[in-house]
PDB file of all heavy atoms in Angstrom:
ATOM      1  N   GLU A   1       0.828  -1.210   0.000  1.00  0.00           N
ATOM      2  CA  GLU A   1       0.000   0.000   0.000  1.00  0.00           C
ATOM      3  C   GLU A   1       0.865   1.264   0.000  1.00  0.00           C
ATOM      4  O   GLU A   1       0.593   2.223  -0.734  1.00  0.00           O
ATOM      5  CB  GLU A   1      -0.886  -0.039   1.254  1.00  0.00           C
ATOM      6  CG  GLU A   1      -1.623   1.239   1.588  1.00  0.00           C
ATOM      7  CD  GLU A   1      -2.158   1.223   3.019  1.00  0.00           C
ATOM      8  OE1 GLU A   1      -2.436   0.131   3.547  1.00  0.00           O
ATOM      9  OE2 GLU A   1      -2.280   2.315   3.602  1.00  0.00           O
ATOM     10  N   ILE A   2       1.930   1.260   0.795  1.00  0.00           N
ATOM     11  CA  ILE A   2       2.830   2.419   0.862  1.00  0.00           C
ATOM     12  C   ILE A   2       3.529   2.630  -0.473  1.00  0.00           C
ATOM     13  O   ILE A   2       3.626   3.759  -0.980  1.00  0.00           O
ATOM     14  CB  ILE A   2       3.862   2.230   2.000  1.00  0.00           C
ATOM     15  CG1 ILE A   2       3.164   2.264   3.366  1.00  0.00           C
ATOM     16  CG2 ILE A   2       4.950   3.301   1.936  1.00  0.00           C
ATOM     17  CD1 ILE A   2       4.050   1.817   4.524  1.00  0.00           C
ATOM     18  N   LEU A   3       4.000   1.544  -1.090  1.00  0.00           N
ATOM     19  CA  LEU A   3       4.702   1.664  -2.366  1.00  0.00           C
ATOM     20  C   LEU A   3       3.764   2.125  -3.475  1.00  0.00           C
ATOM     21  O   LEU A   3       4.146   2.945  -4.327  1.00  0.00           O
ATOM     22  CB  LEU A   3       5.339   0.326  -2.738  1.00  0.00           C
ATOM     23  CG  LEU A   3       6.539  -0.089  -1.884  1.00  0.00           C
ATOM     24  CD1 LEU A   3       6.936  -1.524  -2.172  1.00  0.00           C
ATOM     25  CD2 LEU A   3       7.732   0.853  -2.132  1.00  0.00           C
ATOM     26  N   ALA A   4       2.538   1.623  -3.481  1.00  0.00           N
ATOM     27  CA  ALA A   4       1.572   2.051  -4.497  1.00  0.00           C
ATOM     28  C   ALA A   4       1.319   3.553  -4.398  1.00  0.00           C
ATOM     29  O   ALA A   4       1.282   4.266  -5.407  1.00  0.00           O
ATOM     30  CB  ALA A   4       0.267   1.275  -4.342  1.00  0.00           C
ATOM     31  N   ALA A   5       1.153   4.058  -3.167  1.00  0.00           N
ATOM     32  CA  ALA A   5       0.939   5.503  -2.969  1.00  0.00           C
ATOM     33  C   ALA A   5       2.182   6.297  -3.359  1.00  0.00           C
ATOM     34  O   ALA A   5       2.086   7.395  -3.921  1.00  0.00           O
ATOM     35  CB  ALA A   5       0.572   5.774  -1.510  1.00  0.00           C
ATOM     36  N   LEU A   6       3.363   5.733  -3.072  1.00  0.00           N
ATOM     37  CA  LEU A   6       4.618   6.404  -3.411  1.00  0.00           C
ATOM     38  C   LEU A   6       4.767   6.548  -4.922  1.00  0.00           C
ATOM     39  O   LEU A   6       5.090   7.631  -5.432  1.00  0.00           O
ATOM     40  CB  LEU A   6       5.796   5.608  -2.846  1.00  0.00           C
ATOM     41  CG  LEU A   6       7.189   6.152  -3.136  1.00  0.00           C
ATOM     42  CD1 LEU A   6       7.441   7.427  -2.336  1.00  0.00           C
ATOM     43  CD2 LEU A   6       8.252   5.105  -2.800  1.00  0.00           C
ATOM     44  N   PHE A   7       4.526   5.473  -5.656  1.00  0.00           N
ATOM     45  CA  PHE A   7       4.688   5.501  -7.113  1.00  0.00           C
ATOM     46  C   PHE A   7       3.680   6.448  -7.767  1.00  0.00           C
ATOM     47  O   PHE A   7       3.946   6.991  -8.839  1.00  0.00           O
ATOM     48  CB  PHE A   7       4.531   4.095  -7.689  1.00  0.00           C
ATOM     49  CG  PHE A   7       5.575   3.113  -7.213  1.00  0.00           C
ATOM     50  CD1 PHE A   7       5.277   1.756  -7.090  1.00  0.00           C
ATOM     51  CD2 PHE A   7       6.854   3.535  -6.869  1.00  0.00           C
ATOM     52  CE1 PHE A   7       6.227   0.855  -6.659  1.00  0.00           C
ATOM     53  CE2 PHE A   7       7.817   2.629  -6.421  1.00  0.00           C
ATOM     54  CZ  PHE A   7       7.493   1.289  -6.314  1.00  0.00           C
ATOM     55  N   ALA A   8       2.526   6.643  -7.108  1.00  0.00           N
ATOM     56  CA  ALA A   8       1.494   7.529  -7.673  1.00  0.00           C
ATOM     57  C   ALA A   8       1.727   8.989  -7.329  1.00  0.00           C
ATOM     58  O   ALA A   8       1.073   9.871  -7.882  1.00  0.00           O
ATOM     59  CB  ALA A   8       0.113   7.094  -7.162  1.00  0.00           C
ATOM     60  N   HIS A   9       2.662   9.274  -6.410  1.00  0.00           N
ATOM     61  CA  HIS A   9       2.877  10.648  -5.954  1.00  0.00           C
ATOM     62  C   HIS A   9       3.726  11.421  -6.966  1.00  0.00           C
ATOM     63  O   HIS A   9       4.822  10.979  -7.325  1.00  0.00           O
ATOM     64  CB  HIS A   9       3.585  10.644  -4.592  1.00  0.00           C
ATOM     65  CG  HIS A   9       3.426  11.929  -3.858  1.00  0.00           C
ATOM     66  ND1 HIS A   9       4.043  13.098  -4.238  1.00  0.00           N
ATOM     67  CD2 HIS A   9       2.691  12.241  -2.750  1.00  0.00           C
ATOM     68  CE1 HIS A   9       3.717  14.065  -3.406  1.00  0.00           C
ATOM     69  NE2 HIS A   9       2.893  13.568  -2.490  1.00  0.00           N
ATOM     70  N   PRO A  10       3.246  12.570  -7.434  1.00  0.00           N
ATOM     71  CA  PRO A  10       3.986  13.316  -8.462  1.00  0.00           C
ATOM     72  C   PRO A  10       5.374  13.766  -8.008  1.00  0.00           C
ATOM     73  O   PRO A  10       6.292  13.871  -8.826  1.00  0.00           O
ATOM     74  CB  PRO A  10       3.081  14.524  -8.749  1.00  0.00           C
ATOM     75  CG  PRO A  10       2.163  14.622  -7.569  1.00  0.00           C
ATOM     76  CD  PRO A  10       1.973  13.228  -7.085  1.00  0.00           C
ATOM     77  N   ALA A  11       5.546  14.012  -6.700  1.00  0.00           N
ATOM     78  CA  ALA A  11       6.855  14.465  -6.213  1.00  0.00           C
ATOM     79  C   ALA A  11       7.913  13.371  -6.322  1.00  0.00           C
ATOM     80  O   ALA A  11       9.107  13.667  -6.350  1.00  0.00           O
ATOM     81  CB  ALA A  11       6.740  14.929  -4.760  1.00  0.00           C
ATOM     82  N   TYR A  12       7.469  12.096  -6.383  1.00  0.00           N
ATOM     83  CA  TYR A  12       8.442  11.003  -6.453  1.00  0.00           C
ATOM     84  C   TYR A  12       8.728  10.575  -7.894  1.00  0.00           C
ATOM     85  O   TYR A  12       9.622   9.776  -8.141  1.00  0.00           O
ATOM     86  CB  TYR A  12       7.940   9.795  -5.651  1.00  0.00           C
ATOM     87  CG  TYR A  12       9.038   8.822  -5.270  1.00  0.00           C
ATOM     88  CD1 TYR A  12      10.013   9.163  -4.333  1.00  0.00           C
ATOM     89  CD2 TYR A  12       9.115   7.563  -5.860  1.00  0.00           C
ATOM     90  CE1 TYR A  12      11.022   8.285  -3.985  1.00  0.00           C
ATOM     91  CE2 TYR A  12      10.126   6.661  -5.518  1.00  0.00           C
ATOM     92  CZ  TYR A  12      11.075   7.039  -4.581  1.00  0.00           C
ATOM     93  OH  TYR A  12      12.074   6.153  -4.246  1.00  0.00           O
ATOM     94  N   ALA A  13       7.965  11.116  -8.826  1.00  0.00           N
ATOM     95  CA  ALA A  13       8.148  10.725 -10.229  1.00  0.00           C
ATOM     96  C   ALA A  13       9.562  11.032 -10.718  1.00  0.00           C
ATOM     97  O   ALA A  13      10.169  10.247 -11.453  1.00  0.00           O
ATOM     98  CB  ALA A  13       7.118  11.437 -11.105  1.00  0.00           C
ATOM     99  N   THR A  14      10.121  12.175 -10.286  1.00  0.00           N
ATOM    100  CA  THR A  14      11.474  12.539 -10.724  1.00  0.00           C
ATOM    101  C   THR A  14      12.508  11.568 -10.153  1.00  0.00           C
ATOM    102  O   THR A  14      13.504  11.258 -10.810  1.00  0.00           O
ATOM    103  CB  THR A  14      11.825  13.971 -10.271  1.00  0.00           C
ATOM    104  OG1 THR A  14      11.650  14.059  -8.841  1.00  0.00           O
ATOM    105  CG2 THR A  14      10.928  14.982 -10.946  1.00  0.00           C
ATOM    106  N   GLU A  15      12.260  11.078  -8.933  1.00  0.00           N
ATOM    107  CA  GLU A  15      13.176  10.117  -8.318  1.00  0.00           C
ATOM    108  C   GLU A  15      13.217   8.824  -9.135  1.00  0.00           C
ATOM    109  O   GLU A  15      14.289   8.282  -9.423  1.00  0.00           O
ATOM    110  CB  GLU A  15      12.724   9.815  -6.882  1.00  0.00           C
ATOM    111  CG  GLU A  15      13.557   8.782  -6.149  1.00  0.00           C
ATOM    112  CD  GLU A  15      14.969   9.258  -5.824  1.00  0.00           C
ATOM    113  OE1 GLU A  15      15.199  10.483  -5.804  1.00  0.00           O
ATOM    114  OE2 GLU A  15      15.837   8.396  -5.619  1.00  0.00           O
ATOM    115  N   LEU A  16      12.043   8.329  -9.534  1.00  0.00           N
ATOM    116  CA  LEU A  16      11.985   7.113 -10.332  1.00  0.00           C
ATOM    117  C   LEU A  16      12.627   7.303 -11.697  1.00  0.00           C
ATOM    118  O   LEU A  16      13.373   6.445 -12.180  1.00  0.00           O
ATOM    119  CB  LEU A  16      10.531   6.661 -10.495  1.00  0.00           C
ATOM    120  CG  LEU A  16       9.888   5.950  -9.297  1.00  0.00           C
ATOM    121  CD1 LEU A  16       8.418   5.689  -9.564  1.00  0.00           C
ATOM    122  CD2 LEU A  16      10.604   4.642  -9.007  1.00  0.00           C
ATOM    123  N   ALA A  17      12.336   8.447 -12.327  1.00  0.00           N
ATOM    124  CA  ALA A  17      12.907   8.721 -13.656  1.00  0.00           C
ATOM    125  C   ALA A  17      14.424   8.798 -13.593  1.00  0.00           C
ATOM    126  O   ALA A  17      15.131   8.323 -14.487  1.00  0.00           O
ATOM    127  CB  ALA A  17      12.323  10.019 -14.211  1.00  0.00           C
ATOM    128  N   LYS A  18      14.937   9.386 -12.524  1.00  0.00           N
ATOM    129  CA  LYS A  18      16.375   9.566 -12.343  1.00  0.00           C
ATOM    130  C   LYS A  18      17.089   8.225 -12.280  1.00  0.00           C
ATOM    131  O   LYS A  18      18.258   8.102 -12.662  1.00  0.00           O
ATOM    132  CB  LYS A  18      16.588  10.364 -11.056  1.00  0.00           C
ATOM    133  CG  LYS A  18      17.987  10.860 -10.811  1.00  0.00           C
ATOM    134  CD  LYS A  18      17.989  11.930  -9.715  1.00  0.00           C
ATOM    135  CE  LYS A  18      17.278  11.524  -8.470  1.00  0.00           C
ATOM    136  NZ  LYS A  18      17.227  12.560  -7.421  1.00  0.00           N
ATOM    137  N   HIS A  19      16.383   7.188 -11.804  1.00  0.00           N
ATOM    138  CA  HIS A  19      16.989   5.863 -11.640  1.00  0.00           C
ATOM    139  C   HIS A  19      16.345   4.836 -12.577  1.00  0.00           C
ATOM    140  O   HIS A  19      16.293   3.638 -12.258  1.00  0.00           O
ATOM    141  CB  HIS A  19      16.886   5.419 -10.183  1.00  0.00           C
ATOM    142  CG  HIS A  19      17.603   6.320  -9.233  1.00  0.00           C
ATOM    143  ND1 HIS A  19      18.980   6.394  -9.163  1.00  0.00           N
ATOM    144  CD2 HIS A  19      17.139   7.227  -8.332  1.00  0.00           C
ATOM    145  CE1 HIS A  19      19.332   7.283  -8.257  1.00  0.00           C
ATOM    146  NE2 HIS A  19      18.236   7.802  -7.738  1.00  0.00           N
ATOM    147  N   ASP A  20      15.855   5.316 -13.728  1.00  0.00           N
ATOM    148  CA  ASP A  20      15.298   4.428 -14.768  1.00  0.00           C
ATOM    149  C   ASP A  20      14.182   3.541 -14.229  1.00  0.00           C
ATOM    150  O   ASP A  20      14.107   2.344 -14.535  1.00  0.00           O
ATOM    151  CB  ASP A  20      16.408   3.550 -15.377  1.00  0.00           C
ATOM    152  CG  ASP A  20      17.496   4.380 -16.048  1.00  0.00           C
ATOM    153  OD1 ASP A  20      17.153   5.398 -16.686  1.00  0.00           O
ATOM    154  OD2 ASP A  20      18.672   4.018 -15.903  1.00  0.00           O
ATOM    155  N   ARG A  21      13.330   4.139 -13.398  1.00  0.00           N
ATOM    156  CA  ARG A  21      12.185   3.443 -12.803  1.00  0.00           C
ATOM    157  C   ARG A  21      12.613   2.147 -12.106  1.00  0.00           C
ATOM    158  O   ARG A  21      11.980   1.096 -12.220  1.00  0.00           O
ATOM    159  CB  ARG A  21      11.083   3.173 -13.837  1.00  0.00           C
ATOM    160  CG  ARG A  21      10.520   4.445 -14.449  1.00  0.00           C
ATOM    161  CD  ARG A  21       9.251   4.193 -15.215  1.00  0.00           C
ATOM    162  NE  ARG A  21       8.134   3.806 -14.354  1.00  0.00           N
ATOM    163  CZ  ARG A  21       7.421   4.637 -13.567  1.00  0.00           C
ATOM    164  NH1 ARG A  21       7.727   5.937 -13.536  1.00  0.00           N
ATOM    165  NH2 ARG A  21       6.420   4.193 -12.849  1.00  0.00           N
ATOM    166  N   HIS A  22      13.700   2.257 -11.369  1.00  0.00           N
ATOM    167  CA  HIS A  22      14.235   1.136 -10.598  1.00  0.00           C
ATOM    168  C   HIS A  22      14.153   1.477  -9.115  1.00  0.00           C
ATOM    169  O   HIS A  22      14.653   2.522  -8.699  1.00  0.00           O
ATOM    170  CB  HIS A  22      15.691   0.868 -11.008  1.00  0.00           C
ATOM    171  CG  HIS A  22      16.326  -0.254 -10.257  1.00  0.00           C
ATOM    172  ND1 HIS A  22      17.688  -0.341 -10.038  1.00  0.00           N
ATOM    173  CD2 HIS A  22      15.795  -1.364  -9.645  1.00  0.00           C
ATOM    174  CE1 HIS A  22      17.964  -1.431  -9.364  1.00  0.00           C
ATOM    175  NE2 HIS A  22      16.827  -2.064  -9.102  1.00  0.00           N
ATOM    176  N   GLN A  23      13.534   0.622  -8.328  1.00  0.00           N
ATOM    177  CA  GLN A  23      13.329   0.886  -6.906  1.00  0.00           C
ATOM    178  C   GLN A  23      13.934  -0.235  -6.067  1.00  0.00           C
ATOM    179  O   GLN A  23      13.673  -1.422  -6.295  1.00  0.00           O
ATOM    180  CB  GLN A  23      11.830   0.979  -6.588  1.00  0.00           C
ATOM    181  CG  GLN A  23      11.501   1.229  -5.125  1.00  0.00           C
ATOM    182  CD  GLN A  23      11.948   2.606  -4.666  1.00  0.00           C
ATOM    183  OE1 GLN A  23      11.620   3.611  -5.304  1.00  0.00           O
ATOM    184  NE2 GLN A  23      12.682   2.661  -3.570  1.00  0.00           N
ATOM    185  N   HIS A  24      14.769   0.136  -5.086  1.00  0.00           N
ATOM    186  CA  HIS A  24      15.237  -0.824  -4.079  1.00  0.00           C
ATOM    187  C   HIS A  24      14.233  -0.846  -2.933  1.00  0.00           C
ATOM    188  O   HIS A  24      13.769   0.213  -2.482  1.00  0.00           O
ATOM    189  CB  HIS A  24      16.602  -0.416  -3.518  1.00  0.00           C
ATOM    190  CG  HIS A  24      17.731  -0.555  -4.496  1.00  0.00           C
ATOM    191  ND1 HIS A  24      18.018   0.407  -5.439  1.00  0.00           N
ATOM    192  CD2 HIS A  24      18.659  -1.532  -4.663  1.00  0.00           C
ATOM    193  CE1 HIS A  24      19.061   0.020  -6.147  1.00  0.00           C
ATOM    194  NE2 HIS A  24      19.474  -1.148  -5.698  1.00  0.00           N
ATOM    195  N   VAL A  25      13.914  -2.025  -2.448  1.00  0.00           N
ATOM    196  CA  VAL A  25      13.038  -2.184  -1.285  1.00  0.00           C
ATOM    197  C   VAL A  25      13.723  -3.156  -0.322  1.00  0.00           C
ATOM    198  O   VAL A  25      14.016  -4.300  -0.680  1.00  0.00           O
ATOM    199  CB  VAL A  25      11.652  -2.730  -1.670  1.00  0.00           C
ATOM    200  CG1 VAL A  25      10.792  -2.919  -0.423  1.00  0.00           C
ATOM    201  CG2 VAL A  25      10.962  -1.797  -2.661  1.00  0.00           C
ATOM    202  N   MET A  26      13.978  -2.690   0.896  1.00  0.00           N
ATOM    203  CA  MET A  26      14.674  -3.518   1.873  1.00  0.00           C
ATOM    204  C   MET A  26      13.686  -4.153   2.847  1.00  0.00           C
ATOM    205  O   MET A  26      12.722  -3.518   3.279  1.00  0.00           O
ATOM    206  CB  MET A  26      15.709  -2.688   2.639  1.00  0.00           C
ATOM    207  CG  MET A  26      16.629  -3.528   3.513  1.00  0.00           C
ATOM    208  SD  MET A  26      18.016  -2.556   4.176  1.00  0.00           S
ATOM    209  CE  MET A  26      18.900  -3.829   5.073  1.00  0.00           C
ATOM    210  N   LEU A  27      13.942  -5.418   3.173  1.00  0.00           N
ATOM    211  CA  LEU A  27      13.101  -6.170   4.092  1.00  0.00           C
ATOM    212  C   LEU A  27      13.896  -6.506   5.338  1.00  0.00           C
ATOM    213  O   LEU A  27      15.018  -7.019   5.254  1.00  0.00           O
ATOM    214  CB  LEU A  27      12.615  -7.455   3.422  1.00  0.00           C
ATOM    215  CG  LEU A  27      11.842  -7.260   2.114  1.00  0.00           C
ATOM    216  CD1 LEU A  27      11.630  -8.594   1.421  1.00  0.00           C
ATOM    217  CD2 LEU A  27      10.513  -6.568   2.381  1.00  0.00           C
ATOM    218  N   GLY A  28      13.323  -6.231   6.504  1.00  0.00           N
ATOM    219  CA  GLY A  28      14.021  -6.436   7.766  1.00  0.00           C
ATOM    220  C   GLY A  28      13.671  -7.770   8.402  1.00  0.00           C
ATOM    221  O   GLY A  28      12.524  -8.005   8.781  1.00  0.00           O
ATOM    222  N   TYR A  29      14.645  -8.651   8.503  1.00  0.00           N
ATOM    223  CA  TYR A  29      14.429  -9.971   9.097  1.00  0.00           C
ATOM    224  C   TYR A  29      14.529  -9.921  10.618  1.00  0.00           C
ATOM    225  O   TYR A  29      13.849 -10.662  11.315  1.00  0.00           O
ATOM    226  CB  TYR A  29      15.451 -10.964   8.539  1.00  0.00           C
ATOM    227  CG  TYR A  29      15.159 -11.376   7.111  1.00  0.00           C
ATOM    228  CD1 TYR A  29      15.326 -10.483   6.061  1.00  0.00           C
ATOM    229  CD2 TYR A  29      14.688 -12.652   6.818  1.00  0.00           C
ATOM    230  CE1 TYR A  29      15.049 -10.854   4.756  1.00  0.00           C
ATOM    231  CE2 TYR A  29      14.409 -13.037   5.520  1.00  0.00           C
ATOM    232  CZ  TYR A  29      14.584 -12.126   4.487  1.00  0.00           C
ATOM    233  OH  TYR A  29      14.296 -12.490   3.196  1.00  0.00           O
ATOM    234  N   SER A  30      15.385  -9.047  11.143  1.00  0.00           N
ATOM    235  CA  SER A  30      15.661  -9.043  12.578  1.00  0.00           C
ATOM    236  C   SER A  30      14.510  -8.456  13.385  1.00  0.00           C
ATOM    237  O   SER A  30      14.012  -9.078  14.326  1.00  0.00           O
ATOM    238  CB  SER A  30      16.939  -8.234  12.851  1.00  0.00           C
ATOM    239  OG  SER A  30      17.992  -8.694  12.046  1.00  0.00           O
ATOM    240  N   ASP A  31      14.088  -7.264  13.021  1.00  0.00           N
ATOM    241  CA  ASP A  31      13.030  -6.614  13.798  1.00  0.00           C
ATOM    242  C   ASP A  31      11.681  -7.272  13.591  1.00  0.00           C
ATOM    243  O   ASP A  31      10.844  -7.261  14.489  1.00  0.00           O
ATOM    244  CB  ASP A  31      12.966  -5.124  13.447  1.00  0.00           C
ATOM    245  CG  ASP A  31      13.977  -4.304  14.235  1.00  0.00           C
ATOM    246  OD1 ASP A  31      13.721  -4.022  15.417  1.00  0.00           O
ATOM    247  OD2 ASP A  31      15.032  -3.973  13.683  1.00  0.00           O
ATOM    248  N   SER A  32      11.443  -7.849  12.418  1.00  0.00           N
ATOM    249  CA  SER A  32      10.182  -8.558  12.215  1.00  0.00           C
ATOM    250  C   SER A  32      10.112  -9.776  13.126  1.00  0.00           C
ATOM    251  O   SER A  32       9.071 -10.065  13.718  1.00  0.00           O
ATOM    252  CB  SER A  32      10.025  -8.964  10.742  1.00  0.00           C
ATOM    253  OG  SER A  32      11.107  -9.756  10.303  1.00  0.00           O
ATOM    254  N   ASN A  33      11.236 -10.480  13.273  1.00  0.00           N
ATOM    255  CA  ASN A  33      11.270 -11.624  14.183  1.00  0.00           C
ATOM    256  C   ASN A  33      11.026 -11.182  15.621  1.00  0.00           C
ATOM    257  O   ASN A  33      10.251 -11.790  16.356  1.00  0.00           O
ATOM    258  CB  ASN A  33      12.616 -12.342  14.062  1.00  0.00           C
ATOM    259  CG  ASN A  33      12.755 -13.519  15.022  1.00  0.00           C
ATOM    260  OD1 ASN A  33      12.890 -13.342  16.226  1.00  0.00           O
ATOM    261  ND2 ASN A  33      12.728 -14.722  14.480  1.00  0.00           N
ATOM    262  N   LYS A  34      11.694 -10.108  16.043  1.00  0.00           N
ATOM    263  CA  LYS A  34      11.529  -9.604  17.408  1.00  0.00           C
ATOM    264  C   LYS A  34      10.100  -9.128  17.646  1.00  0.00           C
ATOM    265  O   LYS A  34       9.570  -9.239  18.750  1.00  0.00           O
ATOM    266  CB  LYS A  34      12.512  -8.461  17.665  1.00  0.00           C
ATOM    267  CG  LYS A  34      12.418  -7.862  19.061  1.00  0.00           C
ATOM    268  CD  LYS A  34      13.550  -6.900  19.331  1.00  0.00           C
ATOM    269  CE  LYS A  34      13.438  -5.652  18.486  1.00  0.00           C
ATOM    270  NZ  LYS A  34      12.289  -4.801  18.917  1.00  0.00           N
ATOM    271  N   ASP A  35       9.466  -8.640  16.611  1.00  0.00           N
ATOM    272  CA  ASP A  35       8.126  -8.091  16.730  1.00  0.00           C
ATOM    273  C   ASP A  35       7.067  -9.178  16.874  1.00  0.00           C
ATOM    274  O   ASP A  35       6.152  -9.061  17.701  1.00  0.00           O
ATOM    275  CB  ASP A  35       7.818  -7.227  15.503  1.00  0.00           C
ATOM    276  CG  ASP A  35       6.471  -6.534  15.590  1.00  0.00           C
ATOM    277  OD1 ASP A  35       6.117  -6.053  16.693  1.00  0.00           O
ATOM    278  OD2 ASP A  35       5.766  -6.455  14.570  1.00  0.00           O
ATOM    279  N   CYS A  36       7.182 -10.268  16.075  1.00  0.00           N
ATOM    280  CA  CYS A  36       6.062 -11.213  16.031  1.00  0.00           C
ATOM    281  C   CYS A  36       6.459 -12.683  16.090  1.00  0.00           C
ATOM    282  O   CYS A  36       5.580 -13.552  16.026  1.00  0.00           O
ATOM    283  CB  CYS A  36       5.220 -10.960  14.783  1.00  0.00           C
ATOM    284  SG  CYS A  36       6.116 -11.075  13.223  1.00  0.00           S
TER     285      CYS A  36
END
């Protein structure tokens, strides 16, 4: 949901264009384990 809203936001369009519409997304294994 957060990424969908981010990609639709006009202020972020320049960021995506600058990096050829390539997005890094990091997943946290440590804190997710501690959380649940």
